[in-house]
């Protein structure tokens, strides 16, 4: 990995998605991509402060802690920021399945071209 620059939450660009940044969630050990979500400033700050993955639910219009109902928490190991500051990667240690359908990852389907 290239050398990394330390940044703060204030360097994130929440303006492009109406107050949100895109969040890719990746297993710290296996490097598997587990899920995709969004976070507002409060979600990112709480994730850093509490060490658990917080997101912002666009459908429910509120902050949510991954695992708050299922018990499948995700411990934050690190948070990486992309070059534009509008997307982050939560590197996590998952404490259970990431997907609400009970699978380890939300990415279980392979997209193919349709044949006629």
N, C-alpha and C. Protein backbone atom coordinates (compact mmCIF):
# COMPACT_ATOMS: atom_id res chain seq x y z
N UNK A 1 0.84 -1.17 0.00
CA UNK A 1 0.00 0.00 0.00
C UNK A 1 0.89 1.24 0.00
N UNK A 2 0.46 2.26 -0.69
CA UNK A 2 1.22 3.51 -0.74
C UNK A 2 1.21 4.18 0.63
N UNK A 3 2.08 5.15 0.80
CA UNK A 3 2.09 5.89 2.06
C UNK A 3 0.75 6.59 2.23
N UNK A 4 0.29 6.64 3.45
CA UNK A 4 -1.03 7.20 3.72
C UNK A 4 -0.91 8.51 4.47
N UNK A 5 -1.81 9.40 4.13
CA UNK A 5 -1.89 10.71 4.77
C UNK A 5 -3.02 10.67 5.79
N UNK A 6 -2.77 11.17 6.98
CA UNK A 6 -3.82 11.26 7.99
C UNK A 6 -4.68 12.48 7.71
N UNK A 7 -6.00 12.28 7.73
CA UNK A 7 -6.95 13.37 7.52
C UNK A 7 -8.00 13.33 8.63
N UNK A 8 -8.81 14.37 8.71
CA UNK A 8 -9.87 14.44 9.72
C UNK A 8 -11.23 14.44 9.03
N UNK A 9 -12.27 14.27 9.81
CA UNK A 9 -13.63 14.23 9.28
C UNK A 9 -13.96 15.52 8.54
N UNK A 10 -13.42 16.64 8.99
CA UNK A 10 -13.71 17.92 8.33
C UNK A 10 -13.18 17.97 6.89
N UNK A 11 -12.28 17.07 6.53
CA UNK A 11 -11.76 17.04 5.16
C UNK A 11 -12.68 16.27 4.21
N UNK A 12 -13.68 15.57 4.75
CA UNK A 12 -14.60 14.81 3.89
C UNK A 12 -15.55 15.75 3.17
N UNK A 13 -15.96 15.36 1.96
CA UNK A 13 -16.88 16.16 1.15
C UNK A 13 -18.27 15.54 1.22
N UNK A 14 -19.08 16.07 2.12
CA UNK A 14 -20.45 15.58 2.30
C UNK A 14 -21.43 16.26 1.34
N UNK A 15 -20.96 17.17 0.50
CA UNK A 15 -21.86 17.98 -0.33
C UNK A 15 -22.38 17.26 -1.58
N UNK A 16 -21.66 16.28 -2.08
CA UNK A 16 -22.04 15.65 -3.35
C UNK A 16 -23.27 14.76 -3.25
N UNK A 17 -23.51 14.17 -2.10
CA UNK A 17 -24.65 13.26 -1.93
C UNK A 17 -25.63 13.80 -0.89
N UNK A 18 -25.77 15.10 -0.84
CA UNK A 18 -26.75 15.68 0.07
C UNK A 18 -26.45 15.43 1.54
N UNK A 19 -25.19 15.60 1.92
CA UNK A 19 -24.80 15.43 3.32
C UNK A 19 -24.27 14.06 3.66
N UNK A 20 -24.03 13.24 2.64
CA UNK A 20 -23.57 11.87 2.86
C UNK A 20 -22.27 11.60 2.10
N UNK A 21 -21.56 10.58 2.54
CA UNK A 21 -20.46 10.01 1.78
C UNK A 21 -20.78 8.54 1.55
N UNK A 22 -20.23 7.97 0.49
CA UNK A 22 -20.39 6.55 0.20
C UNK A 22 -19.45 5.76 1.10
N UNK A 23 -19.93 4.61 1.57
CA UNK A 23 -19.12 3.76 2.45
C UNK A 23 -19.04 2.35 1.89
N UNK A 24 -17.83 1.91 1.62
CA UNK A 24 -17.58 0.52 1.28
C UNK A 24 -17.11 -0.14 2.57
N UNK A 25 -17.68 -1.29 2.89
CA UNK A 25 -17.28 -2.00 4.11
C UNK A 25 -16.50 -3.24 3.69
N UNK A 26 -15.28 -3.34 4.21
CA UNK A 26 -14.37 -4.41 3.82
C UNK A 26 -13.85 -5.13 5.06
N UNK A 27 -13.81 -6.45 4.98
CA UNK A 27 -13.25 -7.26 6.06
C UNK A 27 -11.75 -6.99 6.13
N UNK A 28 -11.28 -6.58 7.30
CA UNK A 28 -9.88 -6.22 7.48
C UNK A 28 -8.94 -7.39 7.20
N UNK A 29 -9.33 -8.59 7.60
CA UNK A 29 -8.45 -9.75 7.45
C UNK A 29 -8.52 -10.37 6.06
N UNK A 30 -9.73 -10.64 5.56
CA UNK A 30 -9.87 -11.35 4.28
C UNK A 30 -9.86 -10.42 3.08
N UNK A 31 -10.10 -9.14 3.32
CA UNK A 31 -10.21 -8.11 2.27
C UNK A 31 -11.49 -8.24 1.45
N UNK A 32 -12.41 -9.14 1.83
CA UNK A 32 -13.68 -9.27 1.13
C UNK A 32 -14.51 -8.00 1.31
N UNK A 33 -15.18 -7.58 0.23
CA UNK A 33 -16.12 -6.47 0.33
C UNK A 33 -17.41 -7.02 0.91
N UNK A 34 -17.86 -6.45 2.01
CA UNK A 34 -19.01 -6.98 2.72
C UNK A 34 -20.31 -6.26 2.39
N UNK A 35 -20.27 -4.96 2.27
CA UNK A 35 -21.48 -4.20 1.99
C UNK A 35 -21.15 -2.80 1.51
N UNK A 36 -22.19 -2.11 1.04
CA UNK A 36 -22.09 -0.72 0.62
C UNK A 36 -23.20 0.04 1.33
N UNK A 37 -22.89 1.23 1.81
CA UNK A 37 -23.89 2.03 2.51
C UNK A 37 -23.50 3.50 2.39
N UNK A 38 -24.16 4.34 3.16
CA UNK A 38 -23.85 5.76 3.20
C UNK A 38 -23.68 6.18 4.66
N UNK A 39 -22.97 7.27 4.85
CA UNK A 39 -22.78 7.81 6.20
C UNK A 39 -22.84 9.33 6.14
N UNK A 40 -23.42 9.92 7.17
CA UNK A 40 -23.35 11.37 7.32
C UNK A 40 -22.21 11.67 8.29
N UNK A 41 -22.00 12.94 8.56
CA UNK A 41 -20.89 13.33 9.44
C UNK A 41 -20.98 12.64 10.81
N UNK A 42 -22.18 12.62 11.39
CA UNK A 42 -22.34 12.01 12.71
C UNK A 42 -21.99 10.53 12.69
N UNK A 43 -22.40 9.82 11.63
CA UNK A 43 -22.11 8.39 11.53
C UNK A 43 -20.60 8.13 11.48
N UNK A 44 -19.89 8.93 10.70
CA UNK A 44 -18.44 8.77 10.60
C UNK A 44 -17.78 9.09 11.94
N UNK A 45 -18.20 10.18 12.56
CA UNK A 45 -17.61 10.57 13.84
C UNK A 45 -17.86 9.51 14.91
N UNK A 46 -19.08 8.98 14.98
CA UNK A 46 -19.38 7.95 15.99
C UNK A 46 -18.62 6.66 15.70
N UNK A 47 -18.46 6.33 14.42
CA UNK A 47 -17.68 5.14 14.06
C UNK A 47 -16.25 5.27 14.57
N UNK A 48 -15.67 6.44 14.38
CA UNK A 48 -14.30 6.69 14.86
C UNK A 48 -14.23 6.68 16.38
N UNK A 49 -15.18 7.35 17.01
CA UNK A 49 -15.16 7.51 18.46
C UNK A 49 -15.48 6.21 19.20
N UNK A 50 -16.49 5.47 18.72
CA UNK A 50 -16.96 4.28 19.44
C UNK A 50 -16.36 2.98 18.94
N UNK A 51 -15.76 3.00 17.74
CA UNK A 51 -15.13 1.79 17.22
C UNK A 51 -16.10 0.77 16.66
N UNK A 52 -17.32 1.20 16.37
CA UNK A 52 -18.33 0.34 15.74
C UNK A 52 -18.85 1.05 14.50
N UNK A 53 -19.33 0.28 13.52
CA UNK A 53 -19.75 0.85 12.24
C UNK A 53 -21.14 1.47 12.32
N UNK A 54 -21.18 2.78 12.11
CA UNK A 54 -22.43 3.54 12.02
C UNK A 54 -22.63 3.99 10.59
N UNK A 55 -23.90 4.07 10.18
CA UNK A 55 -24.27 4.50 8.84
C UNK A 55 -25.47 5.43 8.93
N UNK A 56 -25.83 5.98 7.78
CA UNK A 56 -27.06 6.77 7.70
C UNK A 56 -27.99 6.06 6.73
N UNK A 57 -29.18 5.71 7.20
CA UNK A 57 -30.17 5.04 6.36
C UNK A 57 -30.98 6.08 5.60
N UNK A 58 -30.85 6.07 4.29
CA UNK A 58 -31.63 7.00 3.48
C UNK A 58 -33.11 6.65 3.50
N UNK A 59 -33.44 5.37 3.54
CA UNK A 59 -34.85 4.97 3.54
C UNK A 59 -35.54 5.28 4.87
N UNK A 60 -34.83 5.12 5.97
CA UNK A 60 -35.41 5.42 7.29
C UNK A 60 -35.15 6.85 7.74
N UNK A 61 -34.22 7.52 7.06
CA UNK A 61 -33.92 8.90 7.39
C UNK A 61 -33.30 9.08 8.76
N UNK A 62 -32.46 8.11 9.15
CA UNK A 62 -31.83 8.21 10.47
C UNK A 62 -30.51 7.45 10.52
N UNK A 63 -29.75 7.77 11.55
CA UNK A 63 -28.49 7.09 11.84
C UNK A 63 -28.79 5.66 12.28
N UNK A 64 -27.93 4.71 11.92
CA UNK A 64 -28.09 3.36 12.43
C UNK A 64 -26.75 2.71 12.71
N UNK A 65 -26.73 1.93 13.75
CA UNK A 65 -25.57 1.16 14.16
C UNK A 65 -25.72 -0.23 13.59
N UNK A 66 -24.77 -0.68 12.77
CA UNK A 66 -24.82 -2.03 12.23
C UNK A 66 -24.77 -3.01 13.38
N UNK A 67 -25.79 -3.85 13.46
CA UNK A 67 -25.88 -4.84 14.53
C UNK A 67 -26.82 -4.45 15.64
N UNK A 68 -27.41 -3.25 15.58
CA UNK A 68 -28.27 -2.79 16.68
C UNK A 68 -29.48 -3.70 16.89
N UNK A 69 -29.98 -4.35 15.83
CA UNK A 69 -31.09 -5.29 16.01
C UNK A 69 -30.65 -6.74 15.86
N UNK A 70 -29.67 -7.00 14.98
CA UNK A 70 -29.24 -8.38 14.71
C UNK A 70 -28.17 -8.88 15.66
N UNK A 71 -27.42 -7.96 16.26
CA UNK A 71 -26.27 -8.35 17.07
C UNK A 71 -25.01 -8.57 16.25
N UNK A 72 -25.12 -8.38 14.93
CA UNK A 72 -23.97 -8.58 14.03
C UNK A 72 -23.20 -7.28 13.87
N UNK A 73 -22.53 -6.88 14.93
CA UNK A 73 -21.78 -5.63 14.92
C UNK A 73 -20.54 -5.75 14.05
N UNK A 74 -20.02 -4.61 13.65
CA UNK A 74 -18.77 -4.55 12.89
C UNK A 74 -17.82 -3.63 13.64
N UNK A 75 -16.73 -4.21 14.12
CA UNK A 75 -15.74 -3.41 14.83
C UNK A 75 -14.85 -2.69 13.82
N UNK A 76 -14.73 -1.38 13.98
CA UNK A 76 -13.91 -0.57 13.09
C UNK A 76 -12.43 -0.79 13.42
N UNK A 77 -11.66 -1.18 12.41
CA UNK A 77 -10.21 -1.30 12.56
C UNK A 77 -9.56 -0.01 12.05
N UNK A 78 -10.05 0.48 10.93
CA UNK A 78 -9.51 1.70 10.33
C UNK A 78 -10.53 2.24 9.34
N UNK A 79 -10.40 3.51 8.98
CA UNK A 79 -11.24 4.11 7.95
C UNK A 79 -10.31 4.79 6.95
N UNK A 80 -10.44 4.38 5.69
CA UNK A 80 -9.65 4.96 4.61
C UNK A 80 -10.52 5.94 3.83
N UNK A 81 -9.90 7.00 3.33
CA UNK A 81 -10.62 8.05 2.60
C UNK A 81 -10.09 8.10 1.17
N UNK A 82 -10.99 8.21 0.20
CA UNK A 82 -10.54 8.29 -1.20
C UNK A 82 -9.99 9.68 -1.52
N UNK A 83 -9.41 9.80 -2.70
CA UNK A 83 -8.71 11.03 -3.08
C UNK A 83 -9.62 12.25 -3.19
N UNK A 84 -10.91 12.05 -3.46
CA UNK A 84 -11.86 13.16 -3.56
C UNK A 84 -12.53 13.49 -2.23
N UNK A 85 -12.37 12.62 -1.25
CA UNK A 85 -12.96 12.85 0.06
C UNK A 85 -14.46 12.61 0.12
N UNK A 86 -15.02 11.96 -0.92
CA UNK A 86 -16.47 11.72 -0.91
C UNK A 86 -16.83 10.25 -0.75
N UNK A 87 -15.84 9.41 -0.50
CA UNK A 87 -16.08 7.99 -0.25
C UNK A 87 -15.05 7.48 0.75
N UNK A 88 -15.48 6.53 1.56
CA UNK A 88 -14.58 5.95 2.56
C UNK A 88 -14.70 4.43 2.53
N UNK A 89 -13.69 3.78 3.06
CA UNK A 89 -13.73 2.34 3.29
C UNK A 89 -13.65 2.12 4.79
N UNK A 90 -14.66 1.46 5.34
CA UNK A 90 -14.60 1.01 6.72
C UNK A 90 -13.90 -0.34 6.69
N UNK A 91 -12.72 -0.44 7.25
CA UNK A 91 -12.05 -1.73 7.43
C UNK A 91 -12.51 -2.27 8.77
N UNK A 92 -13.17 -3.44 8.73
CA UNK A 92 -13.85 -3.93 9.93
C UNK A 92 -13.49 -5.36 10.28
N UNK A 93 -13.79 -5.70 11.51
CA UNK A 93 -13.79 -7.08 11.97
C UNK A 93 -15.26 -7.41 12.22
N UNK A 94 -15.89 -8.15 11.29
CA UNK A 94 -17.32 -8.43 11.44
C UNK A 94 -17.59 -9.44 12.55
N UNK A 95 -18.66 -9.20 13.28
CA UNK A 95 -19.04 -10.08 14.38
C UNK A 95 -20.22 -10.97 13.99
N UNK A 96 -20.40 -11.16 12.70
CA UNK A 96 -21.49 -11.98 12.16
C UNK A 96 -21.70 -11.60 10.71
N UNK A 97 -22.77 -12.13 10.09
CA UNK A 97 -23.05 -11.81 8.70
C UNK A 97 -23.25 -10.32 8.47
N UNK A 98 -22.80 -9.82 7.33
CA UNK A 98 -22.97 -8.40 7.00
C UNK A 98 -24.34 -8.12 6.42
N UNK A 99 -24.87 -9.06 5.67
CA UNK A 99 -26.12 -8.83 4.94
C UNK A 99 -27.34 -9.11 5.81
N UNK A 100 -28.38 -8.30 5.60
CA UNK A 100 -29.64 -8.51 6.33
C UNK A 100 -30.30 -9.83 5.93
N UNK A 101 -29.84 -10.45 4.83
CA UNK A 101 -30.37 -11.75 4.41
C UNK A 101 -29.62 -12.90 5.06
N UNK A 102 -28.66 -12.59 5.92
CA UNK A 102 -27.95 -13.62 6.67
C UNK A 102 -26.68 -14.13 6.02
N UNK A 103 -26.29 -13.55 4.89
CA UNK A 103 -25.06 -13.99 4.23
C UNK A 103 -23.88 -13.16 4.71
N UNK A 104 -22.71 -13.72 4.59
CA UNK A 104 -21.49 -13.05 5.06
C UNK A 104 -21.28 -11.70 4.38
N UNK A 105 -21.61 -11.63 3.09
CA UNK A 105 -21.47 -10.41 2.31
C UNK A 105 -22.78 -10.12 1.59
N UNK A 106 -23.01 -8.87 1.27
CA UNK A 106 -24.20 -8.49 0.49
C UNK A 106 -23.98 -8.77 -1.00
N UNK A 107 -22.75 -9.03 -1.39
CA UNK A 107 -22.41 -9.23 -2.80
C UNK A 107 -22.30 -10.72 -3.11
N UNK A 108 -23.45 -11.34 -3.39
CA UNK A 108 -23.49 -12.78 -3.63
C UNK A 108 -23.96 -13.13 -5.04
N UNK A 109 -24.30 -12.12 -5.85
CA UNK A 109 -24.81 -12.38 -7.20
C UNK A 109 -23.83 -11.84 -8.24
N UNK A 110 -23.74 -12.55 -9.36
CA UNK A 110 -22.84 -12.16 -10.44
C UNK A 110 -23.68 -11.65 -11.61
N UNK A 111 -23.39 -10.45 -12.07
CA UNK A 111 -24.13 -9.84 -13.17
C UNK A 111 -23.57 -10.31 -14.51
N UNK A 112 -24.46 -10.71 -15.39
CA UNK A 112 -24.08 -11.18 -16.72
C UNK A 112 -24.88 -10.42 -17.78
N UNK A 113 -24.36 -10.38 -18.99
CA UNK A 113 -25.10 -9.84 -20.12
C UNK A 113 -26.26 -10.77 -20.45
N UNK A 114 -27.38 -10.19 -20.82
CA UNK A 114 -28.52 -11.01 -21.23
C UNK A 114 -28.28 -11.52 -22.64
N UNK A 115 -28.68 -12.75 -22.87
CA UNK A 115 -28.55 -13.32 -24.22
C UNK A 115 -29.93 -13.39 -24.84
N UNK A 116 -29.98 -13.16 -26.14
CA UNK A 116 -31.27 -13.13 -26.84
C UNK A 116 -31.59 -14.48 -27.40
